[in-house]
Amino acid sequence: MVVTHLALELRFQGKKLRGFKCKLTRSAHGLLPESSWIIAAQVLLPYLVSGLGMVAAGIVMDIVQHWEVFKEISEVFILVPALVGLKGNLEMTLASRLSTAANTGQMDEPQQQWRMVCCNLALIQVQATVVGFLAAVAAVGLGGLTRGRVDVMQATILCASSVITAFIAALSLGLVMVAVIVGSRKVGINPDNVATPIAASLGDLITLSLLAGVSSFFFCYRDLWYLPPVVCGFFLLLIPVWVIIARQSQPIREVLKSGWQPVILAMSISSIGGLILDKTVSNPNFEGMAVFTPVINGVGGNLVAIQASRMSTYLHYWSTPGALPFKMSLNCPGPCATFCSSDVNSKSARVLVILVVPGHLLFLYTIHLLQGGHTAMTATFIVCYLSAALLQVVILLYMASLMVRWLWRRGLDPDNFSIPYLTALGDLLGTGFLALSFRLILAISSTRAGV
């Protein structure tokens, strides 16, 4: 399929046409050219920066796990993947939505840009507040099931800490995303390649630091029993204000109605990963889970978010919801079609898989230099860790290929639905595979000791 793309620019003075500029681009492959080298060059730096941000988050996690609040209220560990996952549920979804809008010309006019930005920021404040509160309720429930009781004081501290963390992290990261996407368009860089990695680089570190600080504050002043519920109630009462602002945009109004299912289900999936983390982080045999979990989860979510965002932009550019373009006509492509075909989405999937091992090696070396994790960097550990990370990313990219197609054929926007599910699945797979790696290393060490 040969595609001709015509860009026509008209210049007016008053009501008179004074000139025009016409740019014609032809492509025999159904998409404007973007080579593997261009994709890699644009993705590499944000990917490495985001990975180092996750390493910093892992070091913070390694430190704060010994704080009194984390020892006394172990349910905080259940909150970690759910709140950190908000960057996938909210900020990465925001980045994908705005990147698609920028690439399809919906943010070219200043008035359009202002309305798009304000309504999207108000939307993620609504979602962050609600999901933060529900994540705390889920953590209290899961903790109560495992411990057999619920402490009301600890429950209020969890709810207040979760809501405040989600609110502040969503606002700060949302503003950063807007600046990155607008700036990327001005310098000619595809926002799909850089926005989601930058969200990931800051999201984990900001969220973990806020959660640790806020929960420690409320724990220190736990004698003021009324403080957590009052603060939590204040942020919940702000929800109608954000809803009124968000409803000024018709597309955002639709997201307010239909965009809750993926966000809440993704939070639930991440909470299961948090339960795994809660049960392993205090086990001496799993020393190092705290520092490596944000890294493996963050990198997997980061890479699959890039792929989902690119595929969504491709579909918005060349098709209409409900109908797949010719190059993506397969409803259920096999792994070979996902990773080994000649189309642009397969090309980007190969680039992202190639980045996994060298990226993780750099992140492991950085953790080793910072003396984090308290785990010996043996050949066995490195092989098991890299195998877990590579398997996680391959599964996620294949699931992205299936999910984006499935959503588009049903008339659903992948920008709003795919990334929350995929990043939550990345959290669950990353935490699970990492725990299995530690279990395997323990079994190998026991076998060698027995010999």
Protein backbone atom coordinates (compact mmCIF):
# COMPACT_ATOMS: atom_id res chain seq x y z
CA MET A 1 0.00 0.00 0.00
CA VAL A 2 1.54 3.30 -1.14
CA VAL A 3 0.64 6.27 1.06
CA THR A 4 0.95 9.90 0.01
CA HIS A 5 1.00 12.47 2.79
CA LEU A 6 0.25 16.08 1.78
CA ALA A 7 0.98 18.93 4.20
CA LEU A 8 -0.41 22.28 2.99
CA GLU A 9 0.37 25.55 4.81
CA LEU A 10 -1.54 28.71 3.81
CA ARG A 11 -0.31 32.19 4.84
CA PHE A 12 -2.89 34.97 5.14
CA GLN A 13 -2.58 38.71 5.71
CA GLY A 14 -5.95 39.80 6.99
CA LYS A 15 -8.37 37.93 4.74
CA LYS A 16 -6.06 37.80 1.71
CA LEU A 17 -3.96 34.76 0.81
CA ARG A 18 -0.31 35.89 0.56
CA GLY A 19 1.42 32.57 0.03
CA PHE A 20 1.41 28.85 0.61
CA LYS A 21 3.82 25.97 1.21
CA CYS A 22 3.19 22.42 0.09
CA LYS A 23 5.12 19.33 1.29
CA LEU A 24 4.48 15.95 -0.35
CA THR A 25 5.80 12.70 1.18
CA ARG A 26 5.30 9.29 -0.43
CA SER A 27 5.87 5.98 1.35
CA ALA A 28 5.60 2.50 -0.13
CA HIS A 29 5.25 0.93 3.33
CA GLY A 30 2.09 2.63 4.60
CA LEU A 31 3.84 4.95 7.04
CA LEU A 32 6.13 7.93 6.91
CA PRO A 33 9.72 6.62 7.14
CA GLU A 34 11.27 6.08 10.58
CA SER A 35 14.30 3.78 10.66
CA SER A 36 15.41 1.57 13.54
CA TRP A 37 18.36 3.91 14.11
CA ILE A 38 16.06 6.92 14.46
CA ILE A 39 13.82 5.04 16.90
CA ALA A 40 16.83 3.83 18.91
CA ALA A 41 18.47 7.28 18.95
CA GLN A 42 15.31 8.98 20.22
CA VAL A 43 14.47 6.26 22.77
CA LEU A 44 17.96 5.49 24.13
CA LEU A 45 18.73 8.58 26.21
CA PRO A 46 15.27 8.88 27.84
CA TYR A 47 15.33 5.12 28.47
CA LEU A 48 18.69 5.25 30.22
CA VAL A 49 17.75 8.35 32.21
CA SER A 50 14.47 6.73 33.26
CA GLY A 51 16.33 3.57 34.26
CA LEU A 52 18.73 5.54 36.44
CA GLY A 53 15.70 7.25 37.99
CA MET A 54 14.34 3.80 38.82
CA VAL A 55 17.70 2.82 40.29
CA ALA A 56 17.45 5.89 42.53
CA ALA A 57 13.92 4.81 43.48
CA GLY A 58 15.24 1.34 44.30
CA ILE A 59 17.94 2.81 46.54
CA VAL A 60 15.27 4.92 48.28
CA MET A 61 13.14 1.80 48.71
CA ASP A 62 16.12 -0.07 50.13
CA ILE A 63 16.59 2.69 52.72
CA VAL A 64 13.00 3.38 53.75
CA GLN A 65 12.07 -0.32 54.18
CA HIS A 66 13.89 -0.07 57.53
CA TRP A 67 11.92 2.98 58.71
CA GLU A 68 9.59 2.49 61.64
CA VAL A 69 6.42 3.16 59.66
CA PHE A 70 7.28 0.39 57.15
CA LYS A 71 7.98 -2.05 59.99
CA GLU A 72 4.86 -1.20 61.98
CA ILE A 73 2.48 -0.82 59.02
CA SER A 74 3.65 -3.48 56.57
CA GLU A 75 0.65 -2.76 54.30
CA VAL A 76 2.63 0.25 53.03
CA PHE A 77 4.57 -2.27 50.91
CA ILE A 78 1.28 -3.34 49.28
CA LEU A 79 0.69 0.32 48.38
CA VAL A 80 4.07 0.70 46.66
CA PRO A 81 3.36 -1.06 43.31
CA ALA A 82 -0.19 0.36 43.17
CA LEU A 83 0.94 3.97 43.70
CA VAL A 84 4.11 3.66 41.63
CA GLY A 85 1.91 2.07 38.97
CA LEU A 86 -0.10 5.29 38.80
CA LYS A 87 2.56 6.62 36.44
CA GLY A 88 1.40 3.90 34.04
CA ASN A 89 -2.27 4.32 34.85
CA LEU A 90 -2.27 8.13 34.70
CA GLU A 91 0.95 9.90 33.65
CA MET A 92 1.92 7.49 30.87
CA THR A 93 -1.67 7.44 29.66
CA LEU A 94 -1.65 11.25 29.75
CA ALA A 95 1.65 11.29 27.83
CA SER A 96 0.29 8.85 25.24
CA ARG A 97 -2.96 10.82 24.86
CA LEU A 98 -1.17 14.16 24.48
CA SER A 99 1.47 12.65 22.14
CA THR A 100 -1.27 11.36 19.86
CA ALA A 101 -3.01 14.75 19.99
CA ALA A 102 0.27 16.55 19.19
CA ASN A 103 1.18 14.19 16.32
CA THR A 104 -2.28 14.49 14.76
CA GLY A 105 -2.37 18.31 14.91
CA GLN A 106 -4.87 18.71 17.76
CA MET A 107 -2.50 20.93 19.78
CA ASP A 108 -1.26 23.27 17.06
CA GLU A 109 -3.51 26.19 18.02
CA PRO A 110 -2.74 27.88 21.40
CA GLN A 111 -6.41 27.83 22.46
CA GLN A 112 -6.72 24.12 21.61
CA GLN A 113 -3.48 23.42 23.44
CA TRP A 114 -4.59 25.27 26.59
CA ARG A 115 -7.96 23.50 26.75
CA MET A 116 -6.37 20.10 26.09
CA VAL A 117 -3.76 20.59 28.82
CA CYS A 118 -6.12 21.93 31.51
CA CYS A 119 -8.79 19.29 30.96
CA ASN A 120 -6.23 16.46 30.93
CA LEU A 121 -4.58 17.68 34.13
CA ALA A 122 -7.96 17.96 35.86
CA LEU A 123 -8.81 14.44 34.69
CA ILE A 124 -5.69 12.87 36.20
CA GLN A 125 -6.33 14.70 39.50
CA VAL A 126 -9.76 13.07 39.67
CA GLN A 127 -8.34 9.67 38.80
CA ALA A 128 -5.33 10.02 41.13
CA THR A 129 -7.49 10.94 44.13
CA VAL A 130 -10.00 8.13 43.58
CA VAL A 131 -7.42 5.46 42.72
CA GLY A 132 -5.16 6.54 45.61
CA PHE A 133 -8.06 6.08 48.03
CA LEU A 134 -9.09 2.73 46.51
CA ALA A 135 -5.46 1.50 46.58
CA ALA A 136 -5.33 2.22 50.31
CA VAL A 137 -8.63 0.39 50.85
CA ALA A 138 -7.26 -2.59 48.88
CA ALA A 139 -4.04 -2.55 50.94
CA VAL A 140 -6.01 -2.47 54.20
CA GLY A 141 -8.22 -5.33 52.97
CA LEU A 142 -5.33 -7.53 51.80
CA GLY A 143 -3.39 -6.79 54.98
CA GLY A 144 -6.44 -7.62 57.08
CA LEU A 145 -6.89 -10.96 55.29
CA THR A 146 -3.29 -11.99 55.92
CA ARG A 147 -3.05 -10.68 59.51
CA GLY A 148 -6.59 -11.49 60.55
CA ARG A 149 -7.38 -8.01 61.88
CA VAL A 150 -7.58 -4.35 60.81
CA ASP A 151 -6.12 -1.50 62.88
CA VAL A 152 -8.33 1.58 62.33
CA MET A 153 -5.53 4.05 63.14
CA GLN A 154 -3.18 2.38 60.65
CA ALA A 155 -5.96 2.26 58.06
CA THR A 156 -6.56 6.03 58.27
CA ILE A 157 -2.80 6.68 57.99
CA LEU A 158 -2.67 4.48 54.87
CA CYS A 159 -5.65 6.25 53.26
CA ALA A 160 -4.35 9.76 53.93
CA SER A 161 -0.80 8.90 52.83
CA SER A 162 -2.01 7.22 49.64
CA VAL A 163 -4.37 10.04 48.59
CA ILE A 164 -1.82 12.82 49.24
CA THR A 165 0.97 10.91 47.47
CA ALA A 166 -1.19 10.18 44.43
CA PHE A 167 -2.45 13.77 44.21
CA ILE A 168 0.93 15.51 44.44
CA ALA A 169 2.73 12.98 42.22
CA ALA A 170 0.03 13.20 39.53
CA LEU A 171 0.07 17.02 39.50
CA SER A 172 3.87 17.38 39.37
CA LEU A 173 4.39 14.65 36.78
CA GLY A 174 1.46 15.89 34.70
CA LEU A 175 3.03 19.34 34.43
CA VAL A 176 6.36 17.78 33.44
CA MET A 177 4.63 15.69 30.75
CA VAL A 178 2.97 18.75 29.25
CA ALA A 179 6.31 20.59 29.08
CA VAL A 180 8.08 17.58 27.51
CA ILE A 181 5.44 17.00 24.83
CA VAL A 182 5.12 20.66 23.83
CA GLY A 183 8.93 21.00 23.81
CA SER A 184 9.38 17.80 21.76
CA ARG A 185 7.07 19.07 19.05
CA LYS A 186 8.95 22.37 18.87
CA VAL A 187 12.33 20.65 18.31
CA GLY A 188 11.01 18.01 15.90
CA ILE A 189 11.23 14.92 18.15
CA ASN A 190 8.43 12.34 18.22
CA PRO A 191 6.82 12.73 21.69
CA ASP A 192 5.86 9.02 21.65
CA ASN A 193 9.57 8.14 21.94
CA VAL A 194 10.50 10.42 24.85
CA ALA A 195 7.43 11.33 26.93
CA THR A 196 6.68 7.98 28.56
CA PRO A 197 10.34 7.26 29.54
CA ILE A 198 10.62 10.66 31.21
CA ALA A 199 7.38 10.03 33.09
CA ALA A 200 8.89 6.74 34.24
CA SER A 201 12.21 8.30 35.25
CA LEU A 202 10.58 10.73 37.66
CA GLY A 203 7.47 8.79 38.62
CA ASP A 204 9.00 6.04 40.75
CA LEU A 205 11.39 8.31 42.64
CA ILE A 206 8.82 11.06 43.34
CA THR A 207 6.08 8.60 44.35
CA LEU A 208 8.27 6.50 46.67
CA SER A 209 9.81 9.56 48.31
CA LEU A 210 6.39 11.15 48.85
CA LEU A 211 4.86 7.93 50.21
CA ALA A 212 7.73 7.40 52.65
CA GLY A 213 7.73 11.03 53.81
CA VAL A 214 3.97 11.48 54.14
CA SER A 215 3.36 8.14 55.86
CA SER A 216 6.24 8.80 58.29
CA PHE A 217 4.77 12.23 59.09
CA PHE A 218 1.33 10.81 59.92
CA PHE A 219 2.91 7.95 61.86
CA CYS A 220 4.95 10.38 63.98
CA TYR A 221 1.78 12.35 64.79
CA ARG A 222 -0.49 9.31 65.17
CA ASP A 223 -1.67 10.67 68.53
CA LEU A 224 -3.59 13.31 66.55
CA TRP A 225 -6.11 10.68 65.46
CA TYR A 226 -8.31 13.18 63.60
CA LEU A 227 -5.52 14.51 61.33
CA PRO A 228 -5.40 11.71 58.67
CA PRO A 229 -9.19 11.49 58.11
CA VAL A 230 -9.53 15.30 57.90
CA VAL A 231 -6.73 15.62 55.33
CA CYS A 232 -8.05 12.65 53.33
CA GLY A 233 -11.58 14.10 53.38
CA PHE A 234 -10.31 17.49 52.14
CA PHE A 235 -8.74 15.96 49.02
CA LEU A 236 -11.82 13.84 48.36
CA LEU A 237 -14.02 16.96 48.52
CA LEU A 238 -11.93 18.54 45.73
CA ILE A 239 -13.04 15.85 43.27
CA PRO A 240 -16.17 17.75 42.02
CA VAL A 241 -14.00 20.80 41.22
CA TRP A 242 -11.68 18.73 38.99
CA VAL A 243 -14.66 17.02 37.35
CA ILE A 244 -16.19 20.40 36.37
CA ILE A 245 -12.90 21.51 34.78
CA ALA A 246 -12.32 18.18 32.98
CA ARG A 247 -15.82 18.18 31.48
CA GLN A 248 -15.00 21.25 29.37
CA SER A 249 -13.48 18.90 26.77
CA GLN A 250 -15.73 16.40 24.97
CA PRO A 251 -13.07 13.64 24.61
CA ILE A 252 -12.14 13.99 28.31
CA ARG A 253 -15.83 13.86 29.21
CA GLU A 254 -15.96 10.45 27.56
CA VAL A 255 -12.87 9.31 29.49
CA LEU A 256 -14.54 10.42 32.74
CA LYS A 257 -17.42 8.07 31.92
CA SER A 258 -15.61 5.08 30.44
CA GLY A 259 -11.98 5.35 31.59
CA TRP A 260 -12.36 3.98 35.12
CA GLN A 261 -12.37 0.27 34.44
CA PRO A 262 -8.75 -0.03 33.19
CA VAL A 263 -7.38 2.27 35.90
CA ILE A 264 -9.10 0.46 38.77
CA LEU A 265 -8.41 -3.05 37.43
CA ALA A 266 -4.77 -2.10 36.84
CA MET A 267 -4.52 -0.87 40.43
CA SER A 268 -5.96 -4.20 41.61
CA ILE A 269 -3.41 -6.17 39.57
CA SER A 270 -0.56 -4.02 40.94
CA SER A 271 -1.84 -4.59 44.49
CA ILE A 272 -1.36 -8.34 44.01
CA GLY A 273 2.26 -7.59 43.08
CA GLY A 274 2.43 -5.47 46.23
CA LEU A 275 1.25 -8.44 48.31
CA ILE A 276 4.11 -10.52 46.84
CA LEU A 277 6.53 -7.71 47.72
CA ASP A 278 5.13 -7.47 51.26
CA LYS A 279 5.67 -11.19 51.82
CA THR A 280 9.20 -11.33 50.37
CA VAL A 281 10.87 -8.07 51.36
CA SER A 282 11.12 -9.04 55.04
CA ASN A 283 12.51 -12.50 54.26
CA PRO A 284 16.32 -12.63 54.70
CA ASN A 285 16.52 -15.07 51.77
CA PHE A 286 15.05 -12.36 49.50
CA GLU A 287 17.48 -9.61 50.53
CA GLY A 288 17.59 -7.20 47.60
CA MET A 289 13.94 -7.45 46.48
CA ALA A 290 13.32 -3.89 47.66
CA VAL A 291 16.03 -2.31 45.50
CA PHE A 292 15.53 -4.40 42.34
CA THR A 293 11.71 -4.40 42.21
CA PRO A 294 11.32 -0.73 41.09
CA VAL A 295 13.99 -1.26 38.43
CA ILE A 296 12.65 -4.41 36.77
CA ASN A 297 9.03 -3.23 37.02
CA GLY A 298 9.84 0.27 35.81
CA VAL A 299 11.91 -0.78 32.80
CA GLY A 300 9.28 -3.28 31.63
CA GLY A 301 6.44 -0.78 32.03
CA ASN A 302 8.51 1.93 30.37
CA LEU A 303 9.30 -0.09 27.23
CA VAL A 304 5.78 -1.47 26.75
CA ALA A 305 4.31 2.02 27.24
CA ILE A 306 6.52 3.32 24.40
CA GLN A 307 5.32 0.52 22.13
CA ALA A 308 1.64 0.97 23.01
CA SER A 309 1.89 4.74 22.54
CA ARG A 310 3.53 4.34 19.13
CA MET A 311 0.96 1.78 17.99
CA SER A 312 -1.89 4.02 19.14
CA THR A 313 -0.48 6.99 17.24
CA TYR A 314 -0.07 4.78 14.14
CA LEU A 315 -3.72 3.72 14.34
CA HIS A 316 -5.02 7.26 14.92
CA TYR A 317 -2.94 8.46 11.97
CA TRP A 318 -3.84 5.82 9.39
CA SER A 319 -7.24 4.43 10.42
CA THR A 320 -10.50 5.03 12.26
CA PRO A 321 -11.68 3.20 15.41
CA GLY A 322 -13.23 -0.15 14.58
CA ALA A 323 -11.12 -0.83 11.47
CA LEU A 324 -7.48 -1.97 11.45
CA PRO A 325 -5.19 -0.67 8.68
CA PHE A 326 -3.91 -3.13 6.08
CA LYS A 327 -0.51 -3.64 7.73
CA MET A 328 -2.20 -4.59 11.03
CA SER A 329 -5.08 -6.60 9.60
CA LEU A 330 -4.21 -9.75 11.59
CA ASN A 331 -6.48 -9.96 14.65
CA CYS A 332 -4.19 -12.29 16.57
CA PRO A 333 -0.61 -12.12 15.23
CA GLY A 334 1.90 -14.71 16.40
CA PRO A 335 5.19 -13.82 18.10
CA CYS A 336 7.02 -13.97 14.76
CA ALA A 337 4.68 -11.38 13.21
CA THR A 338 5.10 -9.17 16.29
CA PHE A 339 8.91 -9.23 16.38
CA CYS A 340 10.15 -10.35 12.95
CA SER A 341 7.98 -8.67 10.29
CA SER A 342 8.91 -5.60 8.24
CA ASP A 343 6.28 -3.13 9.48
CA VAL A 344 7.19 -0.17 11.67
CA ASN A 345 5.61 -1.54 14.87
CA SER A 346 7.58 -4.77 14.60
CA LYS A 347 10.71 -2.70 13.98
CA SER A 348 10.17 -0.69 17.17
CA ALA A 349 9.47 -3.91 19.15
CA ARG A 350 12.85 -5.32 18.05
CA VAL A 351 14.62 -2.11 19.06
CA LEU A 352 13.00 -2.17 22.50
CA VAL A 353 13.91 -5.84 23.10
CA ILE A 354 17.53 -5.15 22.12
CA LEU A 355 17.70 -2.36 24.73
CA VAL A 356 16.69 -4.64 27.64
CA VAL A 357 19.96 -6.48 28.40
CA PRO A 358 22.49 -3.62 27.99
CA GLY A 359 20.19 -1.28 29.90
CA HIS A 360 19.77 -3.65 32.83
CA LEU A 361 23.50 -4.37 32.91
CA LEU A 362 24.13 -0.64 33.31
CA PHE A 363 21.49 -0.39 36.03
CA LEU A 364 22.90 -3.42 37.90
CA TYR A 365 26.40 -1.92 37.74
CA THR A 366 25.07 1.39 39.08
CA ILE A 367 23.35 -0.39 41.98
CA HIS A 368 26.59 -2.27 42.67
CA LEU A 369 28.56 1.00 42.72
CA LEU A 370 26.04 2.54 45.12
CA GLN A 371 26.24 -0.60 47.28
CA GLY A 372 22.48 -1.09 47.18
CA GLY A 373 20.49 -4.29 47.54
CA HIS A 374 22.92 -6.19 49.80
CA THR A 375 23.04 -8.89 47.10
CA ALA A 376 26.26 -10.27 45.63
CA MET A 377 26.48 -9.62 41.87
CA THR A 378 27.39 -13.21 41.02
CA ALA A 379 27.16 -14.67 37.51
CA THR A 380 24.19 -16.78 38.64
CA PHE A 381 22.31 -13.75 39.93
CA ILE A 382 23.01 -11.68 36.80
CA VAL A 383 21.90 -14.48 34.43
CA CYS A 384 18.70 -15.14 36.42
CA TYR A 385 17.90 -11.43 36.70
CA LEU A 386 18.50 -10.70 33.00
CA SER A 387 16.46 -13.77 31.97
CA ALA A 388 13.56 -12.59 34.13
CA ALA A 389 13.77 -9.04 32.72
CA LEU A 390 13.98 -10.22 29.10
CA LEU A 391 11.09 -12.67 29.48
CA GLN A 392 8.99 -9.96 31.13
CA VAL A 393 9.54 -7.45 28.28
CA VAL A 394 8.96 -10.01 25.49
CA ILE A 395 5.64 -11.06 27.07
CA LEU A 396 4.61 -7.43 27.58
CA LEU A 397 5.41 -6.37 24.00
CA TYR A 398 3.50 -9.35 22.58
CA MET A 399 0.54 -8.58 24.86
CA ALA A 400 0.67 -4.94 23.71
CA SER A 401 0.42 -6.08 20.08
CA LEU A 402 -2.67 -8.16 20.87
CA MET A 403 -4.34 -5.70 23.24
CA VAL A 404 -3.98 -2.57 21.10
CA ARG A 405 -5.48 -4.38 18.11
CA TRP A 406 -8.33 -5.81 20.23
CA LEU A 407 -9.18 -2.41 21.72
CA TRP A 408 -9.07 -0.60 18.38
CA ARG A 409 -11.37 -3.12 16.66
CA ARG A 410 -13.91 -2.49 19.42
CA GLY A 411 -13.75 1.26 18.95
CA LEU A 412 -11.82 1.89 22.20
CA ASP A 413 -8.89 4.32 22.33
CA PRO A 414 -5.67 2.41 23.22
CA ASP A 415 -4.25 5.63 24.71
CA ASN A 416 -6.81 5.38 27.53
CA PHE A 417 -7.13 1.62 27.96
CA SER A 418 -3.95 -0.27 27.01
CA ILE A 419 -1.17 1.33 29.07
CA PRO A 420 -2.81 0.89 32.52
CA TYR A 421 -3.32 -2.84 31.91
CA LEU A 422 0.14 -3.35 30.41
CA THR A 423 2.09 -1.50 33.10
CA ALA A 424 0.10 -3.27 35.86
CA LEU A 425 0.85 -6.60 34.18
CA GLY A 426 4.49 -5.51 34.04
CA ASP A 427 4.46 -4.90 37.81
CA LEU A 428 2.96 -8.32 38.48
CA LEU A 429 5.29 -10.17 36.07
CA GLY A 430 8.36 -8.24 37.23
CA THR A 431 7.75 -8.83 40.94
CA GLY A 432 6.79 -12.47 40.37
CA PHE A 433 9.74 -13.27 38.09
CA LEU A 434 12.14 -11.49 40.46
CA ALA A 435 10.84 -13.51 43.42
CA LEU A 436 11.23 -16.71 41.37
CA SER A 437 14.79 -15.66 40.46
CA PHE A 438 15.69 -15.24 44.13
CA ARG A 439 14.06 -18.59 44.89
CA LEU A 440 16.06 -20.23 42.07
CA ILE A 441 19.31 -18.66 43.27
CA LEU A 442 18.56 -19.90 46.80
CA ALA A 443 17.95 -23.42 45.47
CA ILE A 444 21.20 -23.38 43.44
CA SER A 445 23.15 -22.12 46.48
CA SER A 446 21.63 -24.85 48.68
CA THR A 447 22.55 -27.51 46.10
CA ARG A 448 26.14 -26.31 45.90
CA ALA A 449 26.38 -26.15 49.71
CA GLY A 450 25.06 -29.72 49.93
CA VAL A 451 27.69 -30.90 47.47
